Amino acid sequence: MTNFYIFIFRAILKTVFAVILSRFFHPDLNLAYVAGLGILLVGLAYIFEYLRNKKSNGT
């Protein structure tokens, strides 16, 4: 899988997860906040992947 396909897969998965989370806890939340939550989740996935790879490489 190329990096682009991984990004698309993560973006779709995190968007669905953000919608489910926001509708479960705050049903009246604005769509812009849900999109921000999705972007935050995708960003955190890449940050944690970077930290995991950095730790496993020993540097």
Protein backbone atom coordinates (compact mmCIF):
# COMPACT_ATOMS: atom_id res chain seq x y z
CA MET A 1 0.00 0.00 0.00
CA THR A 2 1.29 3.40 -0.85
CA ASN A 3 1.32 6.27 1.61
CA PHE A 4 -1.51 7.98 -0.26
CA TYR A 5 -3.82 4.99 0.15
CA ILE A 6 -2.96 4.76 3.83
CA PHE A 7 -3.80 8.45 4.22
CA ILE A 8 -7.15 8.02 2.45
CA PHE A 9 -8.01 4.97 4.54
CA ARG A 10 -7.15 6.80 7.78
CA ALA A 11 -9.05 9.91 6.74
CA ILE A 12 -12.22 7.94 5.95
CA LEU A 13 -11.97 5.87 9.11
CA LYS A 14 -11.33 8.88 11.34
CA THR A 15 -14.15 10.84 9.72
CA VAL A 16 -16.61 8.06 10.48
CA PHE A 17 -15.24 7.75 14.01
CA ALA A 18 -15.46 11.52 14.56
CA VAL A 19 -19.09 11.60 13.41
CA ILE A 20 -20.01 8.69 15.67
CA LEU A 21 -18.24 10.20 18.68
CA SER A 22 -19.69 13.65 18.19
CA ARG A 23 -23.24 12.40 17.62
CA PHE A 24 -23.04 10.13 20.64
CA PHE A 25 -21.73 12.71 23.12
CA HIS A 26 -22.90 16.03 21.57
CA PRO A 27 -25.75 15.52 19.08
CA ASP A 28 -26.22 19.25 18.46
CA LEU A 29 -22.56 19.91 17.59
CA ASN A 30 -21.79 21.99 14.49
CA LEU A 31 -20.41 20.20 11.42
CA ALA A 32 -17.25 22.34 11.47
CA TYR A 33 -16.35 21.00 14.91
CA VAL A 34 -16.88 17.44 13.71
CA ALA A 35 -14.55 18.09 10.75
CA GLY A 36 -11.99 19.58 13.14
CA LEU A 37 -12.22 16.50 15.33
CA GLY A 38 -11.62 14.30 12.29
CA ILE A 39 -8.57 16.34 11.26
CA LEU A 40 -7.26 16.17 14.82
CA LEU A 41 -7.65 12.39 14.90
CA VAL A 42 -5.81 11.92 11.59
CA GLY A 43 -3.04 14.25 12.77
CA LEU A 44 -2.68 12.34 16.03
CA ALA A 45 -2.45 9.05 14.13
CA TYR A 46 0.50 10.38 12.12
CA ILE A 47 2.18 11.86 15.20
CA PHE A 48 1.90 8.59 17.12
CA GLU A 49 3.17 6.62 14.12
CA TYR A 50 6.18 8.94 13.89
CA LEU A 51 6.91 8.53 17.60
CA ARG A 52 6.54 4.74 17.40
CA ASN A 53 8.91 4.53 14.42
CA LYS A 54 11.40 6.87 16.09
CA LYS A 55 11.39 4.73 19.23
CA SER A 56 11.76 1.43 17.35
CA ASN A 57 14.72 2.74 15.30
CA GLY A 58 16.64 3.54 18.45
CA THR A 59 17.27 7.21 17.67
